Amino acid sequence: MVISENRVEGTDLEWLTLILEARELGISKETVREFLQQAEVKGVLIKNG
């Protein structure tokens, strides 16, 4: 694993921390994906609204 500044092999450390925390809380990958997709759609709607 290569760690440099705020990235680990191309992944932002903040994202990695959030995903690991979700895993520890028992949140499934599918739930995280659904949330991110909903947030992305909301972002597009707000941007274009």
PDB file of N, CA and C in Angstrom:
ATOM      1  N   MET A   1       0.843  -1.179   0.000  1.00  0.00           N
ATOM      2  CA  MET A   1       0.000   0.000   0.000  1.00  0.00           C
ATOM      3  C   MET A   1       0.882   1.234   0.000  1.00  0.00           C
ATOM      4  N   VAL A   2       0.650   2.091  -0.954  1.00  0.00           N
ATOM      5  CA  VAL A   2       1.426   3.313  -1.074  1.00  0.00           C
ATOM      6  C   VAL A   2       0.615   4.468  -0.491  1.00  0.00           C
ATOM      7  N   ILE A   3       1.173   5.121   0.529  1.00  0.00           N
ATOM      8  CA  ILE A   3       0.492   6.255   1.151  1.00  0.00           C
ATOM      9  C   ILE A   3       1.271   7.518   0.844  1.00  0.00           C
ATOM     10  N   SER A   4       0.597   8.494   0.253  1.00  0.00           N
ATOM     11  CA  SER A   4       1.230   9.768  -0.029  1.00  0.00           C
ATOM     12  C   SER A   4       0.235  10.886   0.229  1.00  0.00           C
ATOM     13  N   GLU A   5       0.601  11.803   1.078  1.00  0.00           N
ATOM     14  CA  GLU A   5      -0.225  12.943   1.459  1.00  0.00           C
ATOM     15  C   GLU A   5      -1.617  12.470   1.825  1.00  0.00           C
ATOM     16  N   ASN A   6      -2.654  12.836   1.046  1.00  0.00           N
ATOM     17  CA  ASN A   6      -4.032  12.485   1.374  1.00  0.00           C
ATOM     18  C   ASN A   6      -4.592  11.360   0.520  1.00  0.00           C
ATOM     19  N   ARG A   7      -3.713  10.570  -0.094  1.00  0.00           N
ATOM     20  CA  ARG A   7      -4.211   9.536  -0.990  1.00  0.00           C
ATOM     21  C   ARG A   7      -3.546   8.199  -0.699  1.00  0.00           C
ATOM     22  N   VAL A   8      -4.304   7.129  -0.860  1.00  0.00           N
ATOM     23  CA  VAL A   8      -3.793   5.775  -0.730  1.00  0.00           C
ATOM     24  C   VAL A   8      -4.089   5.084  -2.042  1.00  0.00           C
ATOM     25  N   GLU A   9      -3.051   4.835  -2.819  1.00  0.00           N
ATOM     26  CA  GLU A   9      -3.186   4.182  -4.124  1.00  0.00           C
ATOM     27  C   GLU A   9      -4.341   4.781  -4.925  1.00  0.00           C
ATOM     28  N   GLY A  10      -4.425   6.094  -4.979  1.00  0.00           N
ATOM     29  CA  GLY A  10      -5.433   6.768  -5.792  1.00  0.00           C
ATOM     30  C   GLY A  10      -6.766   7.006  -5.093  1.00  0.00           C
ATOM     31  N   THR A  11      -6.914   6.552  -3.842  1.00  0.00           N
ATOM     32  CA  THR A  11      -8.168   6.743  -3.114  1.00  0.00           C
ATOM     33  C   THR A  11      -7.977   7.809  -2.047  1.00  0.00           C
ATOM     34  N   ASP A  12      -8.877   8.748  -1.993  1.00  0.00           N
ATOM     35  CA  ASP A  12      -8.844   9.810  -1.007  1.00  0.00           C
ATOM     36  C   ASP A  12      -8.990   9.201   0.392  1.00  0.00           C
ATOM     37  N   LEU A  13      -8.125   9.568   1.316  1.00  0.00           N
ATOM     38  CA  LEU A  13      -8.156   9.003   2.661  1.00  0.00           C
ATOM     39  C   LEU A  13      -9.464   9.291   3.390  1.00  0.00           C
ATOM     40  N   GLU A  14     -10.075  10.429   3.125  1.00  0.00           N
ATOM     41  CA  GLU A  14     -11.342  10.746   3.776  1.00  0.00           C
ATOM     42  C   GLU A  14     -12.431   9.763   3.323  1.00  0.00           C
ATOM     43  N   TRP A  15     -12.464   9.456   2.033  1.00  0.00           N
ATOM     44  CA  TRP A  15     -13.423   8.471   1.532  1.00  0.00           C
ATOM     45  C   TRP A  15     -13.164   7.113   2.156  1.00  0.00           C
ATOM     46  N   LEU A  16     -11.918   6.725   2.206  1.00  0.00           N
ATOM     47  CA  LEU A  16     -11.550   5.439   2.787  1.00  0.00           C
ATOM     48  C   LEU A  16     -11.999   5.358   4.237  1.00  0.00           C
ATOM     49  N   THR A  17     -11.775   6.419   5.001  1.00  0.00           N
ATOM     50  CA  THR A  17     -12.183   6.471   6.404  1.00  0.00           C
ATOM     51  C   THR A  17     -13.695   6.334   6.531  1.00  0.00           C
ATOM     52  N   LEU A  18     -14.438   7.052   5.686  1.00  0.00           N
ATOM     53  CA  LEU A  18     -15.901   6.982   5.733  1.00  0.00           C
ATOM     54  C   LEU A  18     -16.412   5.576   5.411  1.00  0.00           C
ATOM     55  N   ILE A  19     -15.826   4.942   4.418  1.00  0.00           N
ATOM     56  CA  ILE A  19     -16.249   3.593   4.034  1.00  0.00           C
ATOM     57  C   ILE A  19     -15.938   2.600   5.149  1.00  0.00           C
ATOM     58  N   LEU A  20     -14.764   2.717   5.748  1.00  0.00           N
ATOM     59  CA  LEU A  20     -14.405   1.818   6.846  1.00  0.00           C
ATOM     60  C   LEU A  20     -15.322   2.019   8.050  1.00  0.00           C
ATOM     61  N   GLU A  21     -15.670   3.269   8.327  1.00  0.00           N
ATOM     62  CA  GLU A  21     -16.581   3.563   9.431  1.00  0.00           C
ATOM     63  C   GLU A  21     -17.965   2.970   9.153  1.00  0.00           C
ATOM     64  N   ALA A  22     -18.432   3.095   7.924  1.00  0.00           N
ATOM     65  CA  ALA A  22     -19.722   2.508   7.546  1.00  0.00           C
ATOM     66  C   ALA A  22     -19.690   0.998   7.759  1.00  0.00           C
ATOM     67  N   ARG A  23     -18.603   0.376   7.370  1.00  0.00           N
ATOM     68  CA  ARG A  23     -18.460  -1.073   7.543  1.00  0.00           C
ATOM     69  C   ARG A  23     -18.534  -1.439   9.021  1.00  0.00           C
ATOM     70  N   GLU A  24     -17.824  -0.683   9.863  1.00  0.00           N
ATOM     71  CA  GLU A  24     -17.830  -0.938  11.309  1.00  0.00           C
ATOM     72  C   GLU A  24     -19.233  -0.785  11.905  1.00  0.00           C
ATOM     73  N   LEU A  25     -20.032   0.112  11.330  1.00  0.00           N
ATOM     74  CA  LEU A  25     -21.399   0.346  11.807  1.00  0.00           C
ATOM     75  C   LEU A  25     -22.386  -0.678  11.243  1.00  0.00           C
ATOM     76  N   GLY A  26     -21.887  -1.551  10.367  1.00  0.00           N
ATOM     77  CA  GLY A  26     -22.734  -2.590   9.798  1.00  0.00           C
ATOM     78  C   GLY A  26     -23.539  -2.138   8.597  1.00  0.00           C
ATOM     79  N   ILE A  27     -23.138  -1.026   7.994  1.00  0.00           N
ATOM     80  CA  ILE A  27     -23.832  -0.524   6.809  1.00  0.00           C
ATOM     81  C   ILE A  27     -23.296  -1.270   5.591  1.00  0.00           C
ATOM     82  N   SER A  28     -24.205  -1.848   4.824  1.00  0.00           N
ATOM     83  CA  SER A  28     -23.792  -2.666   3.685  1.00  0.00           C
ATOM     84  C   SER A  28     -23.257  -1.813   2.535  1.00  0.00           C
ATOM     85  N   LYS A  29     -22.505  -2.452   1.663  1.00  0.00           N
ATOM     86  CA  LYS A  29     -21.989  -1.777   0.471  1.00  0.00           C
ATOM     87  C   LYS A  29     -23.142  -1.258  -0.378  1.00  0.00           C
ATOM     88  N   GLU A  30     -24.191  -2.071  -0.472  1.00  0.00           N
ATOM     89  CA  GLU A  30     -25.339  -1.694  -1.290  1.00  0.00           C
ATOM     90  C   GLU A  30     -25.995  -0.421  -0.751  1.00  0.00           C
ATOM     91  N   THR A  31     -26.112  -0.318   0.570  1.00  0.00           N
ATOM     92  CA  THR A  31     -26.709   0.863   1.185  1.00  0.00           C
ATOM     93  C   THR A  31     -25.870   2.100   0.910  1.00  0.00           C
ATOM     94  N   VAL A  32     -24.555   1.962   1.004  1.00  0.00           N
ATOM     95  CA  VAL A  32     -23.651   3.087   0.722  1.00  0.00           C
ATOM     96  C   VAL A  32     -23.794   3.494  -0.737  1.00  0.00           C
ATOM     97  N   ARG A  33     -23.807   2.518  -1.640  1.00  0.00           N
ATOM     98  CA  ARG A  33     -23.957   2.819  -3.079  1.00  0.00           C
ATOM     99  C   ARG A  33     -25.269   3.547  -3.354  1.00  0.00           C
ATOM    100  N   GLU A  34     -26.368   3.044  -2.758  1.00  0.00           N
ATOM    101  CA  GLU A  34     -27.678   3.680  -2.962  1.00  0.00           C
ATOM    102  C   GLU A  34     -27.661   5.122  -2.463  1.00  0.00           C
ATOM    103  N   PHE A  35     -27.059   5.341  -1.299  1.00  0.00           N
ATOM    104  CA  PHE A  35     -26.983   6.692  -0.755  1.00  0.00           C
ATOM    105  C   PHE A  35     -26.204   7.615  -1.689  1.00  0.00           C
ATOM    106  N   LEU A  36     -25.068   7.138  -2.171  1.00  0.00           N
ATOM    107  CA  LEU A  36     -24.245   7.959  -3.054  1.00  0.00           C
ATOM    108  C   LEU A  36     -24.967   8.251  -4.368  1.00  0.00           C
ATOM    109  N   GLN A  37     -25.699   7.281  -4.885  1.00  0.00           N
ATOM    110  CA  GLN A  37     -26.447   7.506  -6.123  1.00  0.00           C
ATOM    111  C   GLN A  37     -27.548   8.539  -5.893  1.00  0.00           C
ATOM    112  N   GLN A  38     -28.239   8.465  -4.761  1.00  0.00           N
ATOM    113  CA  GLN A  38     -29.290   9.435  -4.445  1.00  0.00           C
ATOM    114  C   GLN A  38     -28.690  10.825  -4.292  1.00  0.00           C
ATOM    115  N   ALA A  39     -27.553  10.901  -3.608  1.00  0.00           N
ATOM    116  CA  ALA A  39     -26.891  12.192  -3.405  1.00  0.00           C
ATOM    117  C   ALA A  39     -26.447  12.771  -4.744  1.00  0.00           C
ATOM    118  N   GLU A  40     -25.973  11.919  -5.639  1.00  0.00           N
ATOM    119  CA  GLU A  40     -25.535  12.376  -6.963  1.00  0.00           C
ATOM    120  C   GLU A  40     -26.718  12.931  -7.746  1.00  0.00           C
ATOM    121  N   VAL A  41     -27.846  12.247  -7.716  1.00  0.00           N
ATOM    122  CA  VAL A  41     -29.046  12.699  -8.423  1.00  0.00           C
ATOM    123  C   VAL A  41     -29.516  14.022  -7.838  1.00  0.00           C
ATOM    124  N   LYS A  42     -29.532  14.145  -6.516  1.00  0.00           N
ATOM    125  CA  LYS A  42     -29.958  15.388  -5.884  1.00  0.00           C
ATOM    126  C   LYS A  42     -29.027  16.530  -6.286  1.00  0.00           C
ATOM    127  N   GLY A  43     -27.727  16.257  -6.348  1.00  0.00           N
ATOM    128  CA  GLY A  43     -26.761  17.265  -6.746  1.00  0.00           C
ATOM    129  C   GLY A  43     -27.002  17.754  -8.157  1.00  0.00           C
ATOM    130  N   VAL A  44     -27.330  16.838  -9.049  1.00  0.00           N
ATOM    131  CA  VAL A  44     -27.613  17.201 -10.439  1.00  0.00           C
ATOM    132  C   VAL A  44     -28.886  18.022 -10.508  1.00  0.00           C
ATOM    133  N   LEU A  45     -29.905  17.620  -9.763  1.00  0.00           N
ATOM    134  CA  LEU A  45     -31.176  18.348  -9.777  1.00  0.00           C
ATOM    135  C   LEU A  45     -30.997  19.761  -9.236  1.00  0.00           C
ATOM    136  N   ILE A  46     -30.241  19.901  -8.164  1.00  0.00           N
ATOM    137  CA  ILE A  46     -30.010  21.227  -7.579  1.00  0.00           C
ATOM    138  C   ILE A  46     -29.207  22.087  -8.554  1.00  0.00           C
ATOM    139  N   LYS A  47     -28.179  21.481  -9.162  1.00  0.00           N
ATOM    140  CA  LYS A  47     -27.322  22.206 -10.096  1.00  0.00           C
ATOM    141  C   LYS A  47     -28.111  22.695 -11.305  1.00  0.00           C
ATOM    142  N   ASN A  48     -29.012  21.855 -11.804  1.00  0.00           N
ATOM    143  CA  ASN A  48     -29.772  22.187 -13.008  1.00  0.00           C
ATOM    144  C   ASN A  48     -31.116  22.850 -12.705  1.00  0.00           C
ATOM    145  N   GLY A  49     -31.477  22.910 -11.415  1.00  0.00           N
ATOM    146  CA  GLY A  49     -32.793  23.418 -11.021  1.00  0.00           C
ATOM    147  C   GLY A  49     -32.879  24.857 -11.114  1.00  0.00           C
TER     148      GLY A  49
END
